């Protein structure tokens, strides 16, 4: 390479060089190629003229691997060893030049990401979850308060999320029914605590969405249930995959963290995203939950009610929360 003015001209042929103004000549060469400066001394022109300046050999010392070399520091280990201060360490050697070289510019540092490793449920647990959720699911009641529940002996899990996030569709997919829970395209269809029994082994609670009415009014009915119920095992917070977290979602999770209530995030309507986009938003949510939450269960569950994707994993997560296993 070369630079204008006093820049040093170097080549890959192994020759060292000096500033052009110190050479005293306008011609120099590298190997079989000759170069010359133009009249303005601004450009280097390739030429076939026989050069009259011989290359200057490099005086750089060639180091041998396995051999120690002293530096200008008189207190270096190698200098002290020659003076008889300490025995020379023959096991220490200089690393090859390639190992000491800085990384190439093409090697870019990759951003730190939270990688999610999905744990598939075992066959026995998957079969048990299918039998419990699809054998005899039925609607129990709609109640304004959890104290009005008719069945008070089964473990409960609650589904909560923004209005029109897909709670009813997810419960229908869990039970493998089309009309177990009435679905509506208009937000705010669910206004009471709707309970469903799964083969008389556990209860699913479909809660009103926090969007059809004021936050305070929604919290009066729901927060009492979260805070006081002794049968509630876990809350599943449904987040639409195409939208991600909203302010009210984060407010709810902060309240649950403050009460010490266990909850888990479920991504709904994942069929609307590509596999790459779903992986990205899933990783982002995992990272945010690991840093900013306390009571959140670490596994994020992607579900598509229309495509029946992730339904078995969600069933097994519910059985795990209710301490129901295949043994």
Protein backbone atom coordinates (compact mmCIF):
# COMPACT_ATOMS: atom_id res chain seq x y z
CA UNK A 1 0.00 0.00 0.00
CA UNK A 2 1.09 3.65 -0.29
CA UNK A 3 0.05 7.07 0.97
CA UNK A 4 0.57 10.62 -0.34
CA UNK A 5 3.38 12.86 0.96
CA UNK A 6 5.43 11.44 3.78
CA UNK A 7 3.41 8.26 3.98
CA UNK A 8 5.35 5.03 4.13
CA UNK A 9 5.21 2.77 1.07
CA UNK A 10 4.93 -0.91 1.94
CA UNK A 11 4.36 -4.11 -0.01
CA UNK A 12 3.55 -7.70 0.76
CA UNK A 13 6.82 -8.87 -0.71
CA UNK A 14 8.49 -8.76 2.67
CA UNK A 15 10.42 -5.45 2.10
CA UNK A 16 10.43 -2.64 4.62
CA UNK A 17 10.61 0.94 3.38
CA UNK A 18 11.10 4.56 4.44
CA UNK A 19 9.22 7.80 3.78
CA UNK A 20 9.39 8.83 0.15
CA UNK A 21 11.03 12.15 0.96
CA UNK A 22 13.91 10.28 2.64
CA UNK A 23 14.55 8.00 -0.31
CA UNK A 24 15.87 10.85 -2.44
CA UNK A 25 14.60 9.17 -5.60
CA UNK A 26 11.37 9.19 -7.51
CA UNK A 27 11.47 5.50 -8.41
CA UNK A 28 11.16 2.39 -6.31
CA UNK A 29 10.09 -1.17 -6.93
CA UNK A 30 8.57 -4.26 -5.36
CA UNK A 31 9.54 -7.55 -6.93
CA UNK A 32 9.38 -7.21 -10.70
CA UNK A 33 7.06 -4.19 -10.71
CA UNK A 34 8.43 -0.66 -10.84
CA UNK A 35 6.69 2.46 -9.64
CA UNK A 36 7.39 6.18 -10.02
CA UNK A 37 6.01 9.42 -8.61
CA UNK A 38 4.46 11.89 -11.01
CA UNK A 39 5.61 15.50 -11.22
CA UNK A 40 3.16 16.71 -8.60
CA UNK A 41 4.37 14.01 -6.23
CA UNK A 42 0.73 13.06 -5.60
CA UNK A 43 0.23 9.74 -7.31
CA UNK A 44 2.23 6.60 -7.76
CA UNK A 45 2.36 5.46 -11.36
CA UNK A 46 3.07 1.90 -12.41
CA UNK A 47 6.00 1.77 -14.79
CA UNK A 48 8.16 -0.68 -16.69
CA UNK A 49 11.32 1.40 -16.21
CA UNK A 50 14.12 -0.55 -14.66
CA UNK A 51 14.46 0.62 -11.07
CA UNK A 52 17.71 2.01 -9.78
CA UNK A 53 16.83 1.72 -6.10
CA UNK A 54 17.24 -1.59 -4.37
CA UNK A 55 14.76 -2.69 -1.76
CA UNK A 56 15.66 -2.17 1.84
CA UNK A 57 15.65 -5.39 3.79
CA UNK A 58 13.67 -5.53 6.97
CA UNK A 59 15.64 -5.59 10.19
CA UNK A 60 12.77 -7.08 12.13
CA UNK A 61 13.96 -9.99 14.25
CA UNK A 62 12.30 -13.29 13.47
CA UNK A 63 11.17 -14.95 16.67
CA UNK A 64 11.26 -18.69 17.11
CA UNK A 65 8.34 -20.39 18.91
CA UNK A 66 9.39 -21.84 22.26
CA UNK A 67 12.19 -19.30 22.81
CA UNK A 68 11.94 -16.39 25.23
CA UNK A 69 13.01 -12.90 24.19
CA UNK A 70 13.78 -10.03 26.50
CA UNK A 71 12.14 -6.66 26.18
CA UNK A 72 13.42 -3.22 27.00
CA UNK A 73 12.14 -3.70 30.50
CA UNK A 74 15.14 -4.76 32.63
CA UNK A 75 12.80 -6.46 35.08
CA UNK A 76 11.22 -8.76 32.47
CA UNK A 77 11.35 -12.50 33.26
CA UNK A 78 13.75 -13.25 30.40
CA UNK A 79 16.20 -10.47 31.38
CA UNK A 80 16.14 -11.50 35.03
CA UNK A 81 16.74 -15.14 34.09
CA UNK A 82 19.92 -14.29 32.14
CA UNK A 83 21.20 -12.29 35.08
CA UNK A 84 20.85 -15.32 37.35
CA UNK A 85 17.97 -13.97 39.37
CA UNK A 86 15.49 -16.76 38.62
CA UNK A 87 15.72 -19.92 36.54
CA UNK A 88 14.61 -19.48 32.96
CA UNK A 89 11.20 -20.94 32.25
CA UNK A 90 11.69 -23.11 29.21
CA UNK A 91 8.07 -24.17 29.09
CA UNK A 92 6.85 -20.70 28.29
CA UNK A 93 7.02 -19.83 24.67
CA UNK A 94 5.79 -17.07 22.45
CA UNK A 95 2.54 -17.66 20.68
CA UNK A 96 2.47 -17.80 16.90
CA UNK A 97 1.87 -14.48 15.20
CA UNK A 98 -1.47 -15.64 13.81
CA UNK A 99 -2.84 -16.21 17.33
CA UNK A 100 -1.80 -12.73 18.45
CA UNK A 101 -3.25 -10.94 15.43
CA UNK A 102 -6.42 -8.89 15.98
CA UNK A 103 -9.68 -10.33 14.63
CA UNK A 104 -10.59 -9.59 11.05
CA UNK A 105 -12.94 -6.71 10.28
CA UNK A 106 -15.33 -9.21 8.71
CA UNK A 107 -15.82 -10.87 12.10
CA UNK A 108 -18.59 -8.81 13.70
CA UNK A 109 -19.59 -9.24 17.31
CA UNK A 110 -22.95 -10.98 17.55
CA UNK A 111 -25.56 -9.51 19.94
CA UNK A 112 -26.31 -11.43 23.11
CA UNK A 113 -29.62 -13.19 22.85
CA UNK A 114 -31.60 -15.39 25.15
CA UNK A 115 -31.96 -18.70 23.43
CA UNK A 116 -35.08 -20.68 24.30
CA UNK A 117 -34.78 -24.45 24.40
CA UNK A 118 -38.22 -25.99 24.16
CA UNK A 119 -38.84 -28.98 26.41
CA UNK A 120 -41.24 -31.44 24.83
CA UNK A 121 -43.54 -33.21 27.30
CA UNK A 122 -43.24 -36.94 27.72
CA UNK A 123 -45.66 -39.27 25.98
CA UNK A 124 -47.35 -40.40 29.21
CA UNK A 125 -47.95 -36.86 30.37
CA UNK A 126 -49.16 -35.81 26.92
CA UNK A 127 -51.63 -38.73 26.79
CA UNK A 128 -52.86 -37.94 30.30
CA UNK A 129 -53.39 -34.28 29.43
CA UNK A 130 -55.35 -35.21 26.31
CA UNK A 131 -57.57 -37.58 28.31
CA UNK A 132 -58.28 -35.03 31.06
CA UNK A 133 -59.01 -32.08 28.78
CA UNK A 134 -61.01 -33.85 26.08
CA UNK A 135 -62.86 -36.62 27.92
CA UNK A 136 -65.55 -34.67 29.73
CA UNK A 137 -65.13 -30.88 29.70
CA UNK A 138 -68.20 -28.89 30.68
CA UNK A 139 -69.28 -25.40 31.65
CA UNK A 140 -69.94 -24.92 35.37
CA UNK A 141 -71.14 -21.34 35.95
CA UNK A 142 -70.58 -17.61 35.57
CA UNK A 143 -69.98 -15.78 38.82
CA UNK A 144 -69.28 -12.16 39.73
CA UNK A 145 -66.90 -13.21 42.53
CA UNK A 146 -64.75 -16.22 43.19
CA UNK A 147 -66.52 -16.77 46.51
CA UNK A 148 -69.65 -17.68 44.54
CA UNK A 149 -68.02 -20.67 42.82
CA UNK A 150 -70.05 -23.87 43.20
CA UNK A 151 -67.04 -26.19 43.03
CA UNK A 152 -64.49 -25.33 45.71
CA UNK A 153 -62.47 -28.52 45.91
CA UNK A 154 -60.53 -28.56 42.61
CA UNK A 155 -57.32 -26.73 41.73
CA UNK A 156 -57.85 -23.73 39.47
CA UNK A 157 -55.90 -21.95 36.74
CA UNK A 158 -57.01 -18.60 35.32
CA UNK A 159 -56.72 -17.15 31.82
CA UNK A 160 -56.40 -13.40 31.61
CA UNK A 161 -55.44 -10.91 28.92
CA UNK A 162 -56.56 -7.92 26.92
CA UNK A 163 -59.96 -7.96 25.29
CA UNK A 164 -60.09 -9.98 22.07
CA UNK A 165 -56.71 -11.60 22.75
CA UNK A 166 -58.17 -15.06 22.14
CA UNK A 167 -58.88 -16.49 25.61
CA UNK A 168 -62.09 -18.23 24.57
CA UNK A 169 -60.47 -19.75 21.48
CA UNK A 170 -57.57 -21.10 23.52
CA UNK A 171 -59.89 -22.78 26.03
CA UNK A 172 -61.90 -24.34 23.19
CA UNK A 173 -58.66 -25.68 21.70
CA UNK A 174 -57.61 -27.13 25.06
CA UNK A 175 -60.92 -29.00 25.36
CA UNK A 176 -60.99 -29.86 21.65
CA UNK A 177 -64.45 -28.29 21.41
CA UNK A 178 -65.79 -25.61 19.12
CA UNK A 179 -68.54 -24.14 21.29
CA UNK A 180 -67.53 -24.88 24.88
CA UNK A 181 -66.77 -21.18 25.29
CA UNK A 182 -68.72 -18.66 23.29
CA UNK A 183 -66.42 -16.50 21.19
CA UNK A 184 -67.17 -13.00 19.98
CA UNK A 185 -65.40 -10.59 17.64
CA UNK A 186 -66.49 -7.60 19.72
CA UNK A 187 -64.26 -6.79 22.73
CA UNK A 188 -65.67 -7.19 26.23
CA UNK A 189 -67.87 -10.22 25.60
CA UNK A 190 -66.71 -11.85 28.86
CA UNK A 191 -67.79 -9.79 31.88
CA UNK A 192 -67.96 -12.44 34.63
CA UNK A 193 -65.74 -15.24 35.95
CA UNK A 194 -66.62 -18.22 33.74
CA UNK A 195 -65.59 -21.61 35.11
CA UNK A 196 -65.09 -24.90 33.26
CA UNK A 197 -64.41 -28.34 34.68
CA UNK A 198 -61.94 -30.67 32.98
CA UNK A 199 -63.04 -34.23 33.79
CA UNK A 200 -63.60 -33.16 37.41
CA UNK A 201 -59.82 -32.96 37.88
CA UNK A 202 -59.25 -29.21 37.60
CA UNK A 203 -61.00 -25.93 36.84
CA UNK A 204 -60.31 -23.40 34.10
CA UNK A 205 -61.38 -19.81 34.84
CA UNK A 206 -62.03 -17.51 31.87
CA UNK A 207 -61.67 -13.97 33.19
CA UNK A 208 -62.88 -10.67 31.69
CA UNK A 209 -60.44 -8.87 29.43
CA UNK A 210 -58.90 -5.69 30.79
CA UNK A 211 -59.91 -3.32 28.04
CA UNK A 212 -63.68 -3.17 27.83
CA UNK A 213 -63.98 -1.19 31.07
CA UNK A 214 -61.78 0.94 33.32
CA UNK A 215 -58.74 -0.64 34.89
CA UNK A 216 -60.00 0.03 38.43
CA UNK A 217 -63.35 -1.61 37.77
CA UNK A 218 -61.73 -4.66 36.25
CA UNK A 219 -59.24 -4.92 39.10
CA UNK A 220 -61.87 -4.89 41.83
CA UNK A 221 -63.24 -8.28 40.76
CA UNK A 222 -60.04 -9.87 39.48
CA UNK A 223 -57.47 -8.72 42.02
CA UNK A 224 -59.53 -10.02 44.91
CA UNK A 225 -59.53 -13.41 43.25
CA UNK A 226 -55.78 -13.31 42.61
CA UNK A 227 -54.99 -12.16 46.13
CA UNK A 228 -57.37 -14.25 48.24
CA UNK A 229 -58.07 -17.53 46.44
CA UNK A 230 -56.35 -20.56 47.96
CA UNK A 231 -57.21 -22.83 45.03
CA UNK A 232 -55.60 -20.71 42.32
CA UNK A 233 -52.43 -22.48 41.15
CA UNK A 234 -51.27 -20.31 38.26
CA UNK A 235 -52.40 -17.41 36.06
CA UNK A 236 -51.82 -17.64 32.33
CA UNK A 237 -51.34 -14.16 30.88
CA UNK A 238 -52.28 -14.23 27.20
CA UNK A 239 -50.33 -11.91 24.88
CA UNK A 240 -51.10 -11.57 21.20
CA UNK A 241 -47.93 -12.46 19.33
CA UNK A 242 -48.42 -9.84 16.62
CA UNK A 243 -48.70 -7.00 19.18
CA UNK A 244 -46.38 -7.96 22.01
CA UNK A 245 -46.52 -6.36 25.45
CA UNK A 246 -48.75 -3.35 26.02
CA UNK A 247 -48.74 -0.98 28.98
CA UNK A 248 -51.64 -2.74 30.70
CA UNK A 249 -49.92 -6.10 30.30
CA UNK A 250 -46.87 -4.78 32.10
CA UNK A 251 -49.05 -3.17 34.78
CA UNK A 252 -50.75 -6.50 35.42
CA UNK A 253 -47.46 -8.38 35.69
CA UNK A 254 -46.12 -5.76 38.10
CA UNK A 255 -49.20 -6.25 40.31
CA UNK A 256 -48.80 -10.05 40.21
CA UNK A 257 -45.13 -9.71 41.12
CA UNK A 258 -46.09 -7.51 44.05
CA UNK A 259 -48.60 -10.09 45.31
CA UNK A 260 -46.24 -13.01 44.72
CA UNK A 261 -48.73 -14.83 42.46
CA UNK A 262 -47.28 -17.32 39.98
CA UNK A 263 -48.06 -16.57 36.34
CA UNK A 264 -46.95 -17.66 32.88
CA UNK A 265 -47.02 -15.92 29.50
CA UNK A 266 -48.85 -17.51 26.55
CA UNK A 267 -48.44 -16.12 23.04
CA UNK A 268 -51.66 -16.39 21.04
CA UNK A 269 -52.40 -16.22 17.30
CA UNK A 270 -48.87 -17.34 16.46
CA UNK A 271 -50.01 -18.67 13.06
CA UNK A 272 -50.09 -15.05 11.83
CA UNK A 273 -46.31 -14.80 12.14
CA UNK A 274 -43.54 -16.47 10.22
CA UNK A 275 -41.27 -18.89 12.02
CA UNK A 276 -38.42 -16.37 12.02
CA UNK A 277 -40.59 -13.54 13.37
CA UNK A 278 -42.06 -15.80 16.06
CA UNK A 279 -38.60 -16.89 17.18
CA UNK A 280 -37.48 -13.27 17.41
CA UNK A 281 -40.45 -12.00 19.44
CA UNK A 282 -40.29 -15.06 21.65
CA UNK A 283 -36.62 -14.42 22.39
CA UNK A 284 -37.30 -10.73 23.12
CA UNK A 285 -40.10 -11.57 25.54
CA UNK A 286 -37.95 -14.19 27.27
CA UNK A 287 -35.20 -11.62 27.76
CA UNK A 288 -37.59 -9.00 29.12
CA UNK A 289 -39.24 -11.43 31.52
CA UNK A 290 -35.93 -12.70 32.86
CA UNK A 291 -34.82 -9.16 33.68
CA UNK A 292 -37.98 -7.39 34.82
CA UNK A 293 -40.23 -9.96 36.54
CA UNK A 294 -40.21 -11.89 39.80
CA UNK A 295 -43.11 -14.37 39.88
CA UNK A 296 -43.24 -15.18 36.17
CA UNK A 297 -42.71 -18.80 35.15
CA UNK A 298 -39.70 -18.75 32.78
CA UNK A 299 -41.20 -20.78 29.92
CA UNK A 300 -43.15 -18.85 27.26
CA UNK A 301 -45.79 -20.94 25.50
CA UNK A 302 -46.67 -20.13 21.86
CA UNK A 303 -50.15 -21.32 20.89
CA UNK A 304 -52.29 -21.19 17.78
CA UNK A 305 -55.89 -22.14 18.50
CA UNK A 306 -56.86 -22.27 14.82
CA UNK A 307 -53.91 -24.49 13.82
CA UNK A 308 -53.87 -26.47 17.10
CA UNK A 309 -50.20 -25.62 17.61
CA UNK A 310 -48.74 -25.69 21.12
CA UNK A 311 -51.97 -27.02 22.65
CA UNK A 312 -50.39 -30.16 24.12
CA UNK A 313 -47.58 -28.13 25.71
CA UNK A 314 -50.12 -25.77 27.29
CA UNK A 315 -52.14 -28.70 28.65
CA UNK A 316 -49.03 -30.18 30.24
CA UNK A 317 -48.12 -26.81 31.76
CA UNK A 318 -51.58 -26.65 33.36
CA UNK A 319 -51.20 -30.17 34.79
CA UNK A 320 -47.80 -29.22 36.14
CA UNK A 321 -49.25 -26.15 37.85
CA UNK A 322 -52.01 -28.28 39.42
CA UNK A 323 -49.51 -30.98 40.48
CA UNK A 324 -51.18 -33.63 38.34
CA UNK A 325 -48.68 -36.06 36.83
CA UNK A 326 -48.70 -39.37 35.00
CA UNK A 327 -47.36 -41.40 37.95
